[in-house]
Amino acid sequence: MYLSWAVGFISGANMFDQSDARLTGSKYTPDSFLLWLKNYCTQKPLAVFVEAASKLREELAVNEGLKSR
């Protein structure tokens, strides 16, 4: 359920992004998303989940060369 929500969040954010980052996550695998989210939520158990999804999208964009840090 959380993975589906995060993928939907990233897709929605991409839809409104006018930069190259609108392609963020196109090379992802569900397992890599889930692993990243589990690690993030383990390290920051008090963070709201939307923060995790936002950080995941940001990190993906940087790793995919669509956005600089």
N, C-alpha and C. Protein backbone atom coordinates (compact mmCIF):
# COMPACT_ATOMS: atom_id res chain seq x y z
N MET A 1 0.83 -1.18 0.00
CA MET A 1 0.00 0.00 0.00
C MET A 1 0.88 1.26 0.00
N TYR A 2 1.91 1.29 0.83
CA TYR A 2 2.78 2.46 0.90
C TYR A 2 3.56 2.64 -0.39
N LEU A 3 4.02 1.55 -0.95
CA LEU A 3 4.75 1.62 -2.21
C LEU A 3 3.87 2.19 -3.31
N SER A 4 2.65 1.72 -3.41
CA SER A 4 1.72 2.23 -4.42
C SER A 4 1.47 3.72 -4.22
N TRP A 5 1.31 4.13 -2.98
CA TRP A 5 1.08 5.54 -2.70
C TRP A 5 2.28 6.38 -3.13
N ALA A 6 3.49 5.91 -2.80
CA ALA A 6 4.71 6.65 -3.15
C ALA A 6 4.86 6.75 -4.67
N VAL A 7 4.59 5.68 -5.38
CA VAL A 7 4.68 5.72 -6.85
C VAL A 7 3.66 6.70 -7.41
N GLY A 8 2.46 6.71 -6.86
CA GLY A 8 1.44 7.67 -7.28
C GLY A 8 1.85 9.11 -6.98
N PHE A 9 2.44 9.32 -5.83
CA PHE A 9 2.92 10.65 -5.44
C PHE A 9 3.97 11.14 -6.43
N ILE A 10 4.93 10.27 -6.75
CA ILE A 10 6.00 10.64 -7.69
C ILE A 10 5.43 10.91 -9.07
N SER A 11 4.50 10.09 -9.51
CA SER A 11 3.86 10.31 -10.81
C SER A 11 3.12 11.64 -10.85
N GLY A 12 2.41 11.93 -9.78
CA GLY A 12 1.68 13.20 -9.71
C GLY A 12 2.62 14.40 -9.70
N ALA A 13 3.70 14.29 -8.94
CA ALA A 13 4.68 15.38 -8.90
C ALA A 13 5.34 15.56 -10.27
N ASN A 14 5.62 14.45 -10.94
CA ASN A 14 6.21 14.53 -12.27
C ASN A 14 5.28 15.23 -13.25
N MET A 15 3.99 14.99 -13.11
CA MET A 15 3.02 15.58 -14.02
C MET A 15 3.05 17.11 -13.97
N PHE A 16 3.31 17.66 -12.81
CA PHE A 16 3.31 19.11 -12.64
C PHE A 16 4.69 19.74 -12.80
N ASP A 17 5.71 18.93 -12.97
CA ASP A 17 7.09 19.43 -13.11
C ASP A 17 7.35 19.80 -14.57
N GLN A 18 7.81 21.01 -14.79
CA GLN A 18 8.07 21.48 -16.16
C GLN A 18 9.52 21.25 -16.59
N SER A 19 10.36 20.79 -15.68
CA SER A 19 11.78 20.57 -15.99
C SER A 19 12.00 19.12 -16.46
N ASP A 20 13.25 18.79 -16.72
CA ASP A 20 13.59 17.41 -17.08
C ASP A 20 13.25 16.42 -15.98
N ALA A 21 13.11 16.91 -14.76
CA ALA A 21 12.80 16.04 -13.62
C ALA A 21 11.40 15.42 -13.73
N ARG A 22 10.65 15.81 -14.74
CA ARG A 22 9.32 15.22 -14.93
C ARG A 22 9.42 13.74 -15.31
N LEU A 23 10.63 13.28 -15.63
CA LEU A 23 10.86 11.88 -15.97
C LEU A 23 11.41 11.07 -14.80
N THR A 24 11.44 11.66 -13.64
CA THR A 24 12.00 11.01 -12.45
C THR A 24 11.35 9.66 -12.17
N GLY A 25 12.21 8.68 -11.95
CA GLY A 25 11.75 7.36 -11.55
C GLY A 25 11.41 6.43 -12.71
N SER A 26 11.63 6.88 -13.92
CA SER A 26 11.25 6.04 -15.07
C SER A 26 12.08 4.77 -15.17
N LYS A 27 13.22 4.75 -14.48
CA LYS A 27 14.10 3.58 -14.54
C LYS A 27 14.07 2.79 -13.23
N TYR A 28 13.09 3.02 -12.41
CA TYR A 28 13.03 2.39 -11.10
C TYR A 28 12.55 0.94 -11.18
N THR A 29 12.79 0.22 -10.12
CA THR A 29 12.16 -1.08 -9.91
C THR A 29 11.38 -0.99 -8.61
N PRO A 30 10.27 -1.66 -8.52
CA PRO A 30 9.50 -1.61 -7.26
C PRO A 30 10.35 -2.03 -6.06
N ASP A 31 11.20 -3.02 -6.24
CA ASP A 31 12.04 -3.47 -5.12
C ASP A 31 13.00 -2.38 -4.65
N SER A 32 13.56 -1.61 -5.59
CA SER A 32 14.49 -0.55 -5.19
C SER A 32 13.74 0.58 -4.47
N PHE A 33 12.54 0.91 -4.92
CA PHE A 33 11.72 1.91 -4.23
C PHE A 33 11.43 1.45 -2.81
N LEU A 34 10.99 0.22 -2.69
CA LEU A 34 10.60 -0.31 -1.39
C LEU A 34 11.79 -0.35 -0.43
N LEU A 35 12.93 -0.77 -0.91
CA LEU A 35 14.13 -0.81 -0.07
C LEU A 35 14.50 0.60 0.40
N TRP A 36 14.48 1.57 -0.52
CA TRP A 36 14.82 2.95 -0.16
C TRP A 36 13.84 3.46 0.90
N LEU A 37 12.55 3.23 0.69
CA LEU A 37 11.54 3.70 1.63
C LEU A 37 11.69 3.05 3.01
N LYS A 38 11.95 1.74 3.03
CA LYS A 38 12.15 1.06 4.31
C LYS A 38 13.34 1.63 5.05
N ASN A 39 14.44 1.86 4.35
CA ASN A 39 15.63 2.43 4.99
C ASN A 39 15.34 3.83 5.53
N TYR A 40 14.69 4.65 4.73
CA TYR A 40 14.39 6.02 5.15
C TYR A 40 13.49 6.00 6.41
N CYS A 41 12.44 5.22 6.36
CA CYS A 41 11.49 5.19 7.47
C CYS A 41 12.10 4.56 8.73
N THR A 42 13.05 3.66 8.57
CA THR A 42 13.75 3.09 9.72
C THR A 42 14.64 4.14 10.37
N GLN A 43 15.31 4.94 9.54
CA GLN A 43 16.19 5.99 10.06
C GLN A 43 15.43 7.17 10.63
N LYS A 44 14.23 7.43 10.13
CA LYS A 44 13.44 8.58 10.57
C LYS A 44 12.01 8.12 10.90
N PRO A 45 11.84 7.38 11.97
CA PRO A 45 10.52 6.81 12.27
C PRO A 45 9.43 7.84 12.58
N LEU A 46 9.80 9.05 12.91
CA LEU A 46 8.79 10.07 13.23
C LEU A 46 8.43 10.95 12.03
N ALA A 47 9.10 10.75 10.91
CA ALA A 47 8.82 11.54 9.72
C ALA A 47 7.48 11.11 9.13
N VAL A 48 6.77 12.07 8.55
CA VAL A 48 5.52 11.72 7.86
C VAL A 48 5.88 11.08 6.52
N PHE A 49 5.02 10.20 6.04
CA PHE A 49 5.36 9.42 4.85
C PHE A 49 5.50 10.28 3.60
N VAL A 50 4.77 11.35 3.51
CA VAL A 50 4.90 12.23 2.33
C VAL A 50 6.32 12.78 2.24
N GLU A 51 6.96 13.01 3.37
CA GLU A 51 8.35 13.47 3.38
C GLU A 51 9.26 12.40 2.77
N ALA A 52 9.03 11.15 3.11
CA ALA A 52 9.83 10.06 2.55
C ALA A 52 9.65 9.99 1.04
N ALA A 53 8.43 10.08 0.57
CA ALA A 53 8.17 10.02 -0.87
C ALA A 53 8.80 11.20 -1.60
N SER A 54 8.74 12.36 -1.00
CA SER A 54 9.35 13.55 -1.60
C SER A 54 10.87 13.42 -1.68
N LYS A 55 11.46 12.94 -0.60
CA LYS A 55 12.93 12.74 -0.58
C LYS A 55 13.34 11.66 -1.58
N LEU A 56 12.54 10.63 -1.71
CA LEU A 56 12.82 9.57 -2.69
C LEU A 56 12.82 10.16 -4.09
N ARG A 57 11.82 10.95 -4.42
CA ARG A 57 11.76 11.57 -5.75
C ARG A 57 12.96 12.47 -5.98
N GLU A 58 13.32 13.25 -4.98
CA GLU A 58 14.47 14.14 -5.10
C GLU A 58 15.76 13.35 -5.34
N GLU A 59 15.96 12.29 -4.57
CA GLU A 59 17.17 11.49 -4.73
C GLU A 59 17.19 10.77 -6.09
N LEU A 60 16.06 10.28 -6.53
CA LEU A 60 15.99 9.64 -7.85
C LEU A 60 16.36 10.63 -8.95
N ALA A 61 15.82 11.85 -8.86
CA ALA A 61 16.11 12.87 -9.87
C ALA A 61 17.59 13.18 -9.93
N VAL A 62 18.23 13.26 -8.79
CA VAL A 62 19.67 13.53 -8.74
C VAL A 62 20.44 12.34 -9.32
N ASN A 63 20.10 11.13 -8.89
CA ASN A 63 20.79 9.93 -9.36
C ASN A 63 20.61 9.69 -10.86
N GLU A 64 19.48 10.12 -11.40
CA GLU A 64 19.20 9.94 -12.82
C GLU A 64 19.73 11.10 -13.65
N GLY A 65 20.39 12.07 -13.01
CA GLY A 65 20.96 13.20 -13.71
C GLY A 65 19.95 14.21 -14.21
N LEU A 66 18.77 14.21 -13.59
CA LEU A 66 17.70 15.12 -14.01
C LEU A 66 17.67 16.39 -13.18
N LYS A 67 18.41 16.39 -12.09
CA LYS A 67 18.40 17.51 -11.15
C LYS A 67 19.73 17.51 -10.42
N SER A 68 20.24 18.68 -10.09
CA SER A 68 21.46 18.76 -9.29
C SER A 68 21.09 18.90 -7.81
N ARG A 69 22.03 18.61 -6.96
CA ARG A 69 21.77 18.71 -5.52
C ARG A 69 21.61 20.10 -5.11
